[in-house]
Amino acid sequence: MNDSTSTIETALNEPSASIGRVHRPVKQGPSLIERARQRQALLLVAPTLAVLVAIAGWPLVRTLWFSLTDARLSDLANTRFVGFANYWGRHGVLRDHAWWRSVGNTTEFAVVSVVLETLLGLGVALLLNHPSRARSLLRAAVLVPWAIPTVVSARMWAWMLNDQFGVLNNLMLSAGIIHQALAFTADPKLTFPTIIMVDVWKTTPFMALLILAALQVVPGDCYEAARVDGVPRRRVFLFITMPLIWPAVMVAMIFRTLDALRVFDLIYVMSSNSHLTQSMSVYVREQMIDFQQVGHGSAAAILLVLIIALITGVWVALNRNRMEAK
C-alpha cells in the first residue's frame, strides 16, 4: 500500500515527460486535389514546353555535337568526330589567345556598362518617381532609346561619330572643343569607350524602368514616419529606399549582365571585326562564318553558354540562401 501511495505521489509531483514535449505537426504531402491540379497544370504547359525544347533545345544539342567534330561550313555533311580537341586541343579554343582577349573584352564591357547603367538608371528612376505634371511624358520620352533596335541605334551613332561627316565632330569643331576630328570608331583608344557609351545610352532606360517599378511599391508610411522624425533625405535614401528596392536592383543587374555577356550587334556594327573590341559572340561568328570552322566556333559557343549558365546558377543559389535566411 505504501509503495502504491508513493508511486502516485511521485507521479503527481513530477511533471510528465509528455507534457513538456513539443509535438511538431507531421508534414503531410499534397492532397489528391492538389496533385490533380498539378497534373492538369503540367498538361496545360506541356505544348509550350515542347515548343521551347524544339526551338532552344535542338539547336543547343546540334551545336554541342558540332563542337565535338571537325565540321566546316563548306562541307557539313562530311564531319569527323574529334572529341574535345576543339576545346583544349593544340588549336582548341582554350589555347587561342584571341578567345581569351574576347573574354576580357566582354567582361570589361559587361562590368563597366552594367555599373554605369545601374547608377544612371537609379538616378533617372528617382527623378521619374517624383510627382510632376510632365511625369507621364517624361516616362515615354525616356523609353525612346530603348525602343530603337540595337542595329539601328548602332548605325545611327556610327554616322554621328564619323570623323569625316559626323555631326558631333562638326559641332565640337565649331565650338572649339577640339581642333581636329576624332575617329571615335577607328581610334583604338576611343572605340571601346564609345561602344560602352552607346550601350549605356540605349539600355539605361531599361534599368530605370525596372527600378522605377520597385520605387512605386515602397510603402509611403515609411517616408511619412521618417519625415515626422526629421530624418535627413540622405539617410532616408540610404536606410529606407535602397534596402527596399535592392532586390529589384539585383534582378535588373543580373538580367542586364547576362544580356551584356552575349553582346554582338552593337560591337559588330560599330567596329566590324576589330580584334581590339571583339566580344565572345563576335569571335563565334568569325570562326563559323569567316573561317568556316564550325566545330571550333561551336566549341566557343558552348563555352559562352556555360559561362552564362554558371553566373545564373551562382545568382540563383545566392538568392535562395538569402530567402532562406529571412
C-alpha atoms as a PDB file:
ATOM      1  CA  MET A   1       0.000   0.000   0.000  1.00  0.00           C
ATOM      2  CA  ASN A   2       2.800   2.345   0.895  1.00  0.00           C
ATOM      3  CA  ASP A   3       4.538   1.565  -2.392  1.00  0.00           C
ATOM      4  CA  SER A   4       1.459   2.406  -4.424  1.00  0.00           C
ATOM      5  CA  THR A   5       0.895   5.606  -2.466  1.00  0.00           C
ATOM      6  CA  SER A   6       4.465   6.772  -3.053  1.00  0.00           C
ATOM      7  CA  THR A   7       4.151   5.984  -6.716  1.00  0.00           C
ATOM      8  CA  ILE A   8       1.019   8.114  -7.026  1.00  0.00           C
ATOM      9  CA  GLU A   9       2.657  10.994  -5.116  1.00  0.00           C
ATOM     10  CA  THR A  10       5.713  10.841  -7.356  1.00  0.00           C
ATOM     11  CA  ALA A  11       3.527  10.955 -10.460  1.00  0.00           C
ATOM     12  CA  LEU A  12       1.650  13.972  -9.126  1.00  0.00           C
ATOM     13  CA  ASN A  13       4.744  15.883  -8.023  1.00  0.00           C
ATOM     14  CA  GLU A  14       6.938  15.273 -11.107  1.00  0.00           C
ATOM     15  CA  PRO A  15       5.849  16.739 -14.455  1.00  0.00           C
ATOM     16  CA  SER A  16       5.117  14.215 -17.097  1.00  0.00           C
ATOM     17  CA  ALA A  17       7.644  13.960 -19.876  1.00  0.00           C
ATOM     18  CA  SER A  18       4.843  14.037 -22.372  1.00  0.00           C
ATOM     19  CA  ILE A  19       3.583  17.375 -21.053  1.00  0.00           C
ATOM     20  CA  GLY A  20       6.851  19.204 -21.723  1.00  0.00           C
ATOM     21  CA  ARG A  21       7.412  17.547 -25.043  1.00  0.00           C
ATOM     22  CA  VAL A  22       6.774  19.660 -28.108  1.00  0.00           C
ATOM     23  CA  HIS A  23       4.582  17.844 -30.584  1.00  0.00           C
ATOM     24  CA  ARG A  24       5.510  19.026 -34.043  1.00  0.00           C
ATOM     25  CA  PRO A  25       2.870  18.650 -36.696  1.00  0.00           C
ATOM     26  CA  VAL A  26       3.555  15.937 -39.183  1.00  0.00           C
ATOM     27  CA  LYS A  27       4.255  17.425 -42.580  1.00  0.00           C
ATOM     28  CA  GLN A  28       1.770  15.954 -44.974  1.00  0.00           C
ATOM     29  CA  GLY A  29       2.223  15.642 -48.682  1.00  0.00           C
ATOM     30  CA  PRO A  30      -0.027  17.239 -51.265  1.00  0.00           C
ATOM     31  CA  SER A  31      -3.622  16.103 -51.230  1.00  0.00           C
ATOM     32  CA  LEU A  32      -5.330  14.298 -54.086  1.00  0.00           C
ATOM     33  CA  ILE A  33      -6.911  17.543 -55.255  1.00  0.00           C
ATOM     34  CA  GLU A  34      -3.558  19.348 -55.258  1.00  0.00           C
ATOM     35  CA  ARG A  35      -1.949  16.505 -57.187  1.00  0.00           C
ATOM     36  CA  ALA A  36      -4.756  16.613 -59.732  1.00  0.00           C
ATOM     37  CA  ARG A  37      -4.268  20.357 -60.148  1.00  0.00           C
ATOM     38  CA  GLN A  38      -0.515  19.875 -60.607  1.00  0.00           C
ATOM     39  CA  ARG A  39      -1.085  17.235 -63.281  1.00  0.00           C
ATOM     40  CA  GLN A  40      -3.582  19.494 -65.024  1.00  0.00           C
ATOM     41  CA  ALA A  41      -1.119  22.399 -64.933  1.00  0.00           C
ATOM     42  CA  LEU A  42       1.622  20.209 -66.407  1.00  0.00           C
ATOM     43  CA  LEU A  43      -0.695  19.090 -69.194  1.00  0.00           C
ATOM     44  CA  LEU A  44      -1.590  22.699 -69.987  1.00  0.00           C
ATOM     45  CA  VAL A  45       2.023  23.870 -70.204  1.00  0.00           C
ATOM     46  CA  ALA A  46       3.286  20.735 -71.958  1.00  0.00           C
ATOM     47  CA  PRO A  47       2.716  22.102 -75.509  1.00  0.00           C
ATOM     48  CA  THR A  48       4.596  25.302 -74.657  1.00  0.00           C
ATOM     49  CA  LEU A  49       7.451  23.343 -73.104  1.00  0.00           C
ATOM     50  CA  ALA A  50       7.617  21.127 -76.182  1.00  0.00           C
ATOM     51  CA  VAL A  51       7.888  24.185 -78.438  1.00  0.00           C
ATOM     52  CA  LEU A  52      10.619  25.674 -76.233  1.00  0.00           C
ATOM     53  CA  VAL A  53      12.570  22.423 -76.278  1.00  0.00           C
ATOM     54  CA  ALA A  54      12.260  22.234 -80.057  1.00  0.00           C
ATOM     55  CA  ILE A  55      13.309  25.860 -80.563  1.00  0.00           C
ATOM     56  CA  ALA A  56      16.067  26.128 -77.946  1.00  0.00           C
ATOM     57  CA  GLY A  57      16.996  22.568 -77.069  1.00  0.00           C
ATOM     58  CA  TRP A  58      17.614  21.138 -80.520  1.00  0.00           C
ATOM     59  CA  PRO A  59      19.971  23.926 -81.723  1.00  0.00           C
ATOM     60  CA  LEU A  60      21.908  23.613 -78.463  1.00  0.00           C
ATOM     61  CA  VAL A  61      22.280  19.857 -78.886  1.00  0.00           C
ATOM     62  CA  ARG A  62      23.284  20.344 -82.513  1.00  0.00           C
ATOM     63  CA  THR A  63      25.883  22.940 -81.529  1.00  0.00           C
ATOM     64  CA  LEU A  64      27.243  20.620 -78.854  1.00  0.00           C
ATOM     65  CA  TRP A  65      27.614  17.849 -81.439  1.00  0.00           C
ATOM     66  CA  PHE A  66      29.374  20.136 -83.916  1.00  0.00           C
ATOM     67  CA  SER A  67      31.794  21.205 -81.169  1.00  0.00           C
ATOM     68  CA  LEU A  68      32.975  17.594 -80.963  1.00  0.00           C
ATOM     69  CA  THR A  69      33.655  17.330 -84.704  1.00  0.00           C
ATOM     70  CA  ASP A  70      35.858  18.949 -87.336  1.00  0.00           C
ATOM     71  CA  ALA A  71      32.816  20.322 -89.193  1.00  0.00           C
ATOM     72  CA  ARG A  72      33.396  23.028 -91.777  1.00  0.00           C
ATOM     73  CA  LEU A  73      30.763  25.355 -93.182  1.00  0.00           C
ATOM     74  CA  SER A  74      31.536  24.381 -96.773  1.00  0.00           C
ATOM     75  CA  ASP A  75      31.006  20.655 -96.118  1.00  0.00           C
ATOM     76  CA  LEU A  76      28.793  19.940 -93.119  1.00  0.00           C
ATOM     77  CA  ALA A  77      27.816  16.519 -94.446  1.00  0.00           C
ATOM     78  CA  ASN A  78      31.329  15.118 -94.060  1.00  0.00           C
ATOM     79  CA  THR A  79      32.406  15.528 -90.461  1.00  0.00           C
ATOM     80  CA  ARG A  80      34.747  13.544 -88.268  1.00  0.00           C
ATOM     81  CA  PHE A  81      34.465  13.071 -84.515  1.00  0.00           C
ATOM     82  CA  VAL A  82      37.450  14.674 -82.761  1.00  0.00           C
ATOM     83  CA  GLY A  83      36.275  14.642 -79.150  1.00  0.00           C
ATOM     84  CA  PHE A  84      37.347  17.646 -77.098  1.00  0.00           C
ATOM     85  CA  ALA A  85      40.105  18.730 -79.482  1.00  0.00           C
ATOM     86  CA  ASN A  86      38.162  21.903 -80.330  1.00  0.00           C
ATOM     87  CA  TYR A  87      38.209  22.844 -76.651  1.00  0.00           C
ATOM     88  CA  TRP A  88      41.716  22.143 -75.343  1.00  0.00           C
ATOM     89  CA  GLY A  89      43.498  20.563 -78.278  1.00  0.00           C
ATOM     90  CA  ARG A  90      46.577  22.047 -79.900  1.00  0.00           C
ATOM     91  CA  HIS A  91      44.442  24.531 -81.845  1.00  0.00           C
ATOM     92  CA  GLY A  92      41.497  24.485 -79.434  1.00  0.00           C
ATOM     93  CA  VAL A  93      39.527  27.453 -78.217  1.00  0.00           C
ATOM     94  CA  LEU A  94      41.093  27.448 -74.755  1.00  0.00           C
ATOM     95  CA  ARG A  95      44.554  27.704 -76.316  1.00  0.00           C
ATOM     96  CA  ASP A  96      43.593  30.580 -78.622  1.00  0.00           C
ATOM     97  CA  HIS A  97      44.785  33.988 -77.431  1.00  0.00           C
ATOM     98  CA  ALA A  98      42.044  35.658 -79.484  1.00  0.00           C
ATOM     99  CA  TRP A  99      39.411  33.808 -77.449  1.00  0.00           C
ATOM    100  CA  TRP A 100      40.823  34.974 -74.137  1.00  0.00           C
ATOM    101  CA  ARG A 101      41.100  38.512 -75.491  1.00  0.00           C
ATOM    102  CA  SER A 102      37.406  38.370 -76.420  1.00  0.00           C
ATOM    103  CA  VAL A 103      36.595  37.061 -72.928  1.00  0.00           C
ATOM    104  CA  GLY A 104      38.434  40.027 -71.417  1.00  0.00           C
ATOM    105  CA  ASN A 105      36.696  42.484 -73.743  1.00  0.00           C
ATOM    106  CA  THR A 106      33.284  41.027 -72.955  1.00  0.00           C
ATOM    107  CA  THR A 107      33.931  41.057 -69.210  1.00  0.00           C
ATOM    108  CA  GLU A 108      35.101  44.671 -69.298  1.00  0.00           C
ATOM    109  CA  PHE A 109      32.114  45.660 -71.402  1.00  0.00           C
ATOM    110  CA  ALA A 110      29.658  43.900 -69.077  1.00  0.00           C
ATOM    111  CA  VAL A 111      31.113  45.252 -65.826  1.00  0.00           C
ATOM    112  CA  VAL A 112      31.520  48.879 -66.908  1.00  0.00           C
ATOM    113  CA  SER A 113      28.249  49.150 -68.821  1.00  0.00           C
ATOM    114  CA  VAL A 114      26.117  47.453 -66.145  1.00  0.00           C
ATOM    115  CA  VAL A 115      27.557  49.601 -63.343  1.00  0.00           C
ATOM    116  CA  LEU A 116      27.022  52.834 -65.290  1.00  0.00           C
ATOM    117  CA  GLU A 117      23.537  51.811 -66.419  1.00  0.00           C
ATOM    118  CA  THR A 118      22.542  50.898 -62.870  1.00  0.00           C
ATOM    119  CA  LEU A 119      23.739  54.195 -61.400  1.00  0.00           C
ATOM    120  CA  LEU A 120      22.216  56.306 -64.165  1.00  0.00           C
ATOM    121  CA  GLY A 121      19.050  54.205 -64.185  1.00  0.00           C
ATOM    122  CA  LEU A 122      18.674  54.733 -60.444  1.00  0.00           C
ATOM    123  CA  GLY A 123      19.019  58.480 -60.884  1.00  0.00           C
ATOM    124  CA  VAL A 124      16.506  58.579 -63.736  1.00  0.00           C
ATOM    125  CA  ALA A 125      14.073  56.396 -61.785  1.00  0.00           C
ATOM    126  CA  LEU A 126      14.259  58.715 -58.770  1.00  0.00           C
ATOM    127  CA  LEU A 127      13.508  61.710 -60.999  1.00  0.00           C
ATOM    128  CA  LEU A 128      10.597  59.964 -62.706  1.00  0.00           C
ATOM    129  CA  ASN A 129       9.201  58.850 -59.356  1.00  0.00           C
ATOM    130  CA  HIS A 130       8.956  62.462 -58.212  1.00  0.00           C
ATOM    131  CA  PRO A 131       5.385  63.771 -58.754  1.00  0.00           C
ATOM    132  CA  SER A 132       5.113  66.292 -61.580  1.00  0.00           C
ATOM    133  CA  ARG A 133       2.712  67.245 -64.334  1.00  0.00           C
ATOM    134  CA  ALA A 134       5.054  66.081 -67.088  1.00  0.00           C
ATOM    135  CA  ARG A 135       5.887  62.746 -65.460  1.00  0.00           C
ATOM    136  CA  SER A 136       3.928  60.653 -67.982  1.00  0.00           C
ATOM    137  CA  LEU A 137       5.502  62.499 -70.906  1.00  0.00           C
ATOM    138  CA  LEU A 138       8.988  62.098 -69.436  1.00  0.00           C
ATOM    139  CA  ARG A 139       8.484  58.370 -68.918  1.00  0.00           C
ATOM    140  CA  ALA A 140       7.519  57.922 -72.556  1.00  0.00           C
ATOM    141  CA  ALA A 141      10.460  60.040 -73.744  1.00  0.00           C
ATOM    142  CA  VAL A 142      12.980  58.115 -71.641  1.00  0.00           C
ATOM    143  CA  LEU A 143      11.939  54.823 -73.230  1.00  0.00           C
ATOM    144  CA  VAL A 144      12.675  56.013 -76.783  1.00  0.00           C
ATOM    145  CA  PRO A 145      16.376  54.950 -76.842  1.00  0.00           C
ATOM    146  CA  TRP A 146      15.480  51.507 -75.501  1.00  0.00           C
ATOM    147  CA  ALA A 147      12.720  51.079 -78.094  1.00  0.00           C
ATOM    148  CA  ILE A 148      15.071  51.698 -81.027  1.00  0.00           C
ATOM    149  CA  PRO A 149      16.519  48.433 -82.427  1.00  0.00           C
ATOM    150  CA  THR A 150      20.161  47.961 -81.472  1.00  0.00           C
ATOM    151  CA  VAL A 151      21.373  47.719 -85.062  1.00  0.00           C
ATOM    152  CA  VAL A 152      19.613  50.971 -85.950  1.00  0.00           C
ATOM    153  CA  SER A 153      20.957  52.863 -82.936  1.00  0.00           C
ATOM    154  CA  ALA A 154      24.474  51.495 -83.511  1.00  0.00           C
ATOM    155  CA  ARG A 155      24.477  52.614 -87.140  1.00  0.00           C
ATOM    156  CA  MET A 156      22.973  55.974 -86.198  1.00  0.00           C
ATOM    157  CA  TRP A 157      25.704  56.646 -83.638  1.00  0.00           C
ATOM    158  CA  ALA A 158      28.401  55.412 -86.021  1.00  0.00           C
ATOM    159  CA  TRP A 159      27.292  58.017 -88.556  1.00  0.00           C
ATOM    160  CA  MET A 160      27.046  60.812 -85.979  1.00  0.00           C
ATOM    161  CA  LEU A 161      30.518  59.979 -84.623  1.00  0.00           C
ATOM    162  CA  ASN A 162      32.175  59.638 -88.019  1.00  0.00           C
ATOM    163  CA  ASP A 163      35.353  61.698 -88.297  1.00  0.00           C
ATOM    164  CA  GLN A 164      34.584  62.778 -91.884  1.00  0.00           C
ATOM    165  CA  PHE A 165      30.908  63.746 -91.891  1.00  0.00           C
ATOM    166  CA  GLY A 166      29.766  63.121 -88.315  1.00  0.00           C
ATOM    167  CA  VAL A 167      27.563  65.814 -86.819  1.00  0.00           C
ATOM    168  CA  LEU A 168      29.131  65.538 -83.355  1.00  0.00           C
ATOM    169  CA  ASN A 169      32.631  66.179 -84.668  1.00  0.00           C
ATOM    170  CA  ASN A 170      31.363  69.181 -86.621  1.00  0.00           C
ATOM    171  CA  LEU A 171      29.640  70.602 -83.543  1.00  0.00           C
ATOM    172  CA  MET A 172      32.710  70.174 -81.343  1.00  0.00           C
ATOM    173  CA  LEU A 173      34.966  71.692 -84.018  1.00  0.00           C
ATOM    174  CA  SER A 174      32.637  74.664 -84.400  1.00  0.00           C
ATOM    175  CA  ALA A 175      32.518  75.186 -80.630  1.00  0.00           C
ATOM    176  CA  GLY A 176      36.305  74.986 -80.343  1.00  0.00           C
ATOM    177  CA  ILE A 177      36.176  71.970 -78.035  1.00  0.00           C
ATOM    178  CA  ILE A 178      38.505  70.016 -80.329  1.00  0.00           C
ATOM    179  CA  HIS A 179      40.939  71.162 -83.013  1.00  0.00           C
ATOM    180  CA  GLN A 180      40.765  68.094 -85.244  1.00  0.00           C
ATOM    181  CA  ALA A 181      38.135  65.453 -85.855  1.00  0.00           C
ATOM    182  CA  LEU A 182      38.204  62.401 -83.597  1.00  0.00           C
ATOM    183  CA  ALA A 183      37.868  58.905 -85.051  1.00  0.00           C
ATOM    184  CA  PHE A 184      35.580  57.548 -82.345  1.00  0.00           C
ATOM    185  CA  THR A 185      35.016  54.209 -84.088  1.00  0.00           C
ATOM    186  CA  ALA A 186      38.529  53.755 -85.504  1.00  0.00           C
ATOM    187  CA  ASP A 187      40.922  55.036 -82.848  1.00  0.00           C
ATOM    188  CA  PRO A 188      41.946  52.078 -80.608  1.00  0.00           C
ATOM    189  CA  LYS A 189      41.844  54.349 -77.548  1.00  0.00           C
ATOM    190  CA  LEU A 190      38.335  55.631 -78.274  1.00  0.00           C
ATOM    191  CA  THR A 191      36.485  52.726 -79.883  1.00  0.00           C
ATOM    192  CA  PHE A 192      35.735  50.662 -76.795  1.00  0.00           C
ATOM    193  CA  PRO A 193      34.690  53.616 -74.573  1.00  0.00           C
ATOM    194  CA  THR A 194      32.492  54.822 -77.435  1.00  0.00           C
ATOM    195  CA  ILE A 195      30.759  51.449 -77.706  1.00  0.00           C
ATOM    196  CA  ILE A 196      30.150  51.411 -73.957  1.00  0.00           C
ATOM    197  CA  MET A 197      28.763  54.956 -74.127  1.00  0.00           C
ATOM    198  CA  VAL A 198      26.283  53.982 -76.843  1.00  0.00           C
ATOM    199  CA  ASP A 199      25.218  50.906 -74.895  1.00  0.00           C
ATOM    200  CA  VAL A 200      24.687  52.993 -71.759  1.00  0.00           C
ATOM    201  CA  TRP A 201      22.598  55.474 -73.759  1.00  0.00           C
ATOM    202  CA  LYS A 202      20.410  52.696 -75.114  1.00  0.00           C
ATOM    203  CA  THR A 203      19.984  50.433 -72.071  1.00  0.00           C
ATOM    204  CA  THR A 204      19.781  52.902 -69.175  1.00  0.00           C
ATOM    205  CA  PRO A 205      16.008  53.318 -69.775  1.00  0.00           C
ATOM    206  CA  PHE A 206      15.582  49.563 -69.255  1.00  0.00           C
ATOM    207  CA  MET A 207      17.271  49.748 -65.862  1.00  0.00           C
ATOM    208  CA  ALA A 208      15.342  52.900 -64.968  1.00  0.00           C
ATOM    209  CA  LEU A 209      12.041  51.216 -65.819  1.00  0.00           C
ATOM    210  CA  LEU A 210      12.716  48.225 -63.552  1.00  0.00           C
ATOM    211  CA  ILE A 211      13.970  50.372 -60.671  1.00  0.00           C
ATOM    212  CA  LEU A 212      11.017  52.750 -61.067  1.00  0.00           C
ATOM    213  CA  ALA A 213       8.633  49.815 -60.700  1.00  0.00           C
ATOM    214  CA  ALA A 214      10.348  48.937 -57.412  1.00  0.00           C
ATOM    215  CA  LEU A 215      10.197  52.532 -56.167  1.00  0.00           C
ATOM    216  CA  GLN A 216       6.471  52.727 -56.751  1.00  0.00           C
ATOM    217  CA  VAL A 217       5.735  49.823 -54.401  1.00  0.00           C
ATOM    218  CA  VAL A 218       7.721  51.248 -51.476  1.00  0.00           C
ATOM    219  CA  PRO A 219       5.186  51.921 -48.678  1.00  0.00           C
ATOM    220  CA  GLY A 220       4.517  55.614 -48.232  1.00  0.00           C
ATOM    221  CA  ASP A 221       4.206  55.134 -44.469  1.00  0.00           C
ATOM    222  CA  CYS A 222       7.976  54.628 -44.269  1.00  0.00           C
ATOM    223  CA  TYR A 223       8.645  58.048 -45.778  1.00  0.00           C
ATOM    224  CA  GLU A 224       5.937  59.660 -43.660  1.00  0.00           C
ATOM    225  CA  ALA A 225       7.406  58.250 -40.450  1.00  0.00           C
ATOM    226  CA  ALA A 226      10.889  59.401 -41.463  1.00  0.00           C
ATOM    227  CA  ARG A 227       9.562  62.892 -42.237  1.00  0.00           C
ATOM    228  CA  VAL A 228       7.847  63.128 -38.867  1.00  0.00           C
ATOM    229  CA  ASP A 229      11.045  62.037 -37.100  1.00  0.00           C
ATOM    230  CA  GLY A 230      13.062  64.607 -39.027  1.00  0.00           C
ATOM    231  CA  VAL A 231      15.348  62.095 -40.739  1.00  0.00           C
ATOM    232  CA  PRO A 232      17.558  63.745 -43.414  1.00  0.00           C
ATOM    233  CA  ARG A 233      16.829  62.837 -47.025  1.00  0.00           C
ATOM    234  CA  ARG A 234      20.222  61.254 -47.497  1.00  0.00           C
ATOM    235  CA  ARG A 235      19.630  58.850 -44.619  1.00  0.00           C
ATOM    236  CA  VAL A 236      16.124  58.126 -45.871  1.00  0.00           C
ATOM    237  CA  PHE A 237      17.558  57.138 -49.220  1.00  0.00           C
ATOM    238  CA  LEU A 238      20.358  55.011 -47.735  1.00  0.00           C
ATOM    239  CA  PHE A 239      18.429  53.260 -44.963  1.00  0.00           C
ATOM    240  CA  ILE A 240      14.858  53.115 -46.277  1.00  0.00           C
ATOM    241  CA  THR A 241      14.739  53.398 -50.052  1.00  0.00           C
ATOM    242  CA  MET A 242      17.801  51.358 -51.001  1.00  0.00           C
ATOM    243  CA  PRO A 243      17.142  48.343 -48.737  1.00  0.00           C
ATOM    244  CA  LEU A 244      13.571  48.102 -50.016  1.00  0.00           C
ATOM    245  CA  ILE A 245      14.424  48.331 -53.719  1.00  0.00           C
ATOM    246  CA  TRP A 246      17.726  46.419 -53.548  1.00  0.00           C
ATOM    247  CA  PRO A 247      16.212  43.018 -54.542  1.00  0.00           C
ATOM    248  CA  ALA A 248      14.732  44.588 -57.680  1.00  0.00           C
ATOM    249  CA  VAL A 249      18.032  46.309 -58.462  1.00  0.00           C
ATOM    250  CA  MET A 250      19.862  42.994 -58.160  1.00  0.00           C
ATOM    251  CA  VAL A 251      17.397  41.291 -60.516  1.00  0.00           C
ATOM    252  CA  ALA A 252      17.821  44.100 -63.038  1.00  0.00           C
ATOM    253  CA  MET A 253      21.613  43.871 -62.791  1.00  0.00           C
ATOM    254  CA  ILE A 254      21.742  40.099 -63.279  1.00  0.00           C
ATOM    255  CA  PHE A 255      19.447  40.254 -66.313  1.00  0.00           C
ATOM    256  CA  ARG A 256      21.474  43.087 -67.786  1.00  0.00           C
ATOM    257  CA  THR A 257      24.750  41.262 -67.082  1.00  0.00           C
ATOM    258  CA  LEU A 258      23.566  38.131 -68.879  1.00  0.00           C
ATOM    259  CA  ASP A 259      22.471  40.266 -71.811  1.00  0.00           C
ATOM    260  CA  ALA A 260      25.800  42.131 -71.897  1.00  0.00           C
ATOM    261  CA  LEU A 261      27.824  38.903 -71.899  1.00  0.00           C
ATOM    262  CA  ARG A 262      26.264  37.862 -75.198  1.00  0.00           C
ATOM    263  CA  VAL A 263      26.581  41.262 -76.884  1.00  0.00           C
ATOM    264  CA  PHE A 264      27.074  41.018 -80.634  1.00  0.00           C
ATOM    265  CA  ASP A 265      25.195  43.505 -82.799  1.00  0.00           C
ATOM    266  CA  LEU A 266      26.380  46.720 -81.158  1.00  0.00           C
ATOM    267  CA  ILE A 267      30.078  45.798 -81.295  1.00  0.00           C
ATOM    268  CA  TYR A 268      29.893  44.239 -84.756  1.00  0.00           C
ATOM    269  CA  VAL A 269      28.092  47.205 -86.324  1.00  0.00           C
ATOM    270  CA  MET A 270      30.240  49.915 -84.739  1.00  0.00           C
ATOM    271  CA  SER A 271      33.684  48.292 -85.008  1.00  0.00           C
ATOM    272  CA  SER A 272      33.088  45.490 -87.526  1.00  0.00           C
ATOM    273  CA  ASN A 273      35.537  42.657 -86.847  1.00  0.00           C
ATOM    274  CA  SER A 274      38.237  44.509 -84.930  1.00  0.00           C
ATOM    275  CA  HIS A 275      40.078  42.247 -82.501  1.00  0.00           C
ATOM    276  CA  LEU A 276      40.539  45.212 -80.155  1.00  0.00           C
ATOM    277  CA  THR A 277      36.820  45.210 -79.340  1.00  0.00           C
ATOM    278  CA  GLN A 278      35.856  41.648 -80.275  1.00  0.00           C
ATOM    279  CA  SER A 279      33.350  40.037 -77.920  1.00  0.00           C
ATOM    280  CA  MET A 280      32.795  36.319 -77.395  1.00  0.00           C
ATOM    281  CA  SER A 281      29.763  36.326 -79.690  1.00  0.00           C
ATOM    282  CA  VAL A 282      31.694  38.146 -82.416  1.00  0.00           C
ATOM    283  CA  TYR A 283      34.503  35.594 -82.004  1.00  0.00           C
ATOM    284  CA  VAL A 284      31.995  32.762 -82.529  1.00  0.00           C
ATOM    285  CA  ARG A 285      30.669  34.412 -85.671  1.00  0.00           C
ATOM    286  CA  GLU A 286      34.187  34.963 -87.023  1.00  0.00           C
ATOM    287  CA  GLN A 287      35.152  31.309 -86.548  1.00  0.00           C
ATOM    288  CA  MET A 288      31.945  29.940 -88.056  1.00  0.00           C
ATOM    289  CA  ILE A 289      31.386  32.328 -90.965  1.00  0.00           C
ATOM    290  CA  ASP A 290      34.698  33.959 -91.866  1.00  0.00           C
ATOM    291  CA  PHE A 291      36.965  30.978 -91.174  1.00  0.00           C
ATOM    292  CA  GLN A 292      34.211  28.370 -91.816  1.00  0.00           C
ATOM    293  CA  GLN A 293      35.398  26.378 -88.782  1.00  0.00           C
ATOM    294  CA  VAL A 294      32.003  25.297 -87.491  1.00  0.00           C
ATOM    295  CA  GLY A 295      33.479  22.879 -84.968  1.00  0.00           C
ATOM    296  CA  HIS A 296      35.797  25.491 -83.460  1.00  0.00           C
ATOM    297  CA  GLY A 297      33.071  28.134 -83.410  1.00  0.00           C
ATOM    298  CA  SER A 298      30.572  25.715 -81.864  1.00  0.00           C
ATOM    299  CA  ALA A 299      33.025  24.951 -79.064  1.00  0.00           C
ATOM    300  CA  ALA A 300      33.335  28.680 -78.357  1.00  0.00           C
ATOM    301  CA  ALA A 301      29.538  28.993 -78.375  1.00  0.00           C
ATOM    302  CA  ILE A 302      29.199  26.158 -75.850  1.00  0.00           C
ATOM    303  CA  LEU A 303      31.768  27.826 -73.604  1.00  0.00           C
ATOM    304  CA  LEU A 304      29.776  31.055 -73.786  1.00  0.00           C
ATOM    305  CA  VAL A 305      26.615  29.174 -72.797  1.00  0.00           C
ATOM    306  CA  LEU A 306      28.452  27.560 -69.877  1.00  0.00           C
ATOM    307  CA  ILE A 307      29.715  30.929 -68.637  1.00  0.00           C
ATOM    308  CA  ILE A 308      26.205  32.394 -68.701  1.00  0.00           C
ATOM    309  CA  ALA A 309      24.757  29.266 -67.061  1.00  0.00           C
ATOM    310  CA  LEU A 310      27.411  29.406 -64.323  1.00  0.00           C
ATOM    311  CA  ILE A 311      26.660  33.034 -63.500  1.00  0.00           C
ATOM    312  CA  THR A 312      22.926  32.306 -63.482  1.00  0.00           C
ATOM    313  CA  GLY A 313      23.387  29.291 -61.208  1.00  0.00           C
ATOM    314  CA  VAL A 314      25.514  31.232 -58.730  1.00  0.00           C
ATOM    315  CA  TRP A 315      22.972  34.046 -58.603  1.00  0.00           C
ATOM    316  CA  VAL A 316      20.064  31.627 -58.080  1.00  0.00           C
ATOM    317  CA  ALA A 317      21.948  29.859 -55.275  1.00  0.00           C
ATOM    318  CA  LEU A 318      22.812  33.118 -53.522  1.00  0.00           C
ATOM    319  CA  ASN A 319      19.252  34.357 -53.876  1.00  0.00           C
ATOM    320  CA  ARG A 320      17.889  31.091 -52.452  1.00  0.00           C
ATOM    321  CA  ASN A 321      20.212  31.338 -49.452  1.00  0.00           C
ATOM    322  CA  ARG A 322      19.137  34.921 -48.869  1.00  0.00           C
ATOM    323  CA  MET A 323      15.458  33.967 -48.966  1.00  0.00           C
ATOM    324  CA  GLU A 324      16.024  31.042 -46.593  1.00  0.00           C
ATOM    325  CA  ALA A 325      17.912  33.311 -44.189  1.00  0.00           C
ATOM    326  CA  LYS A 326      14.864  35.546 -43.974  1.00  0.00           C
END
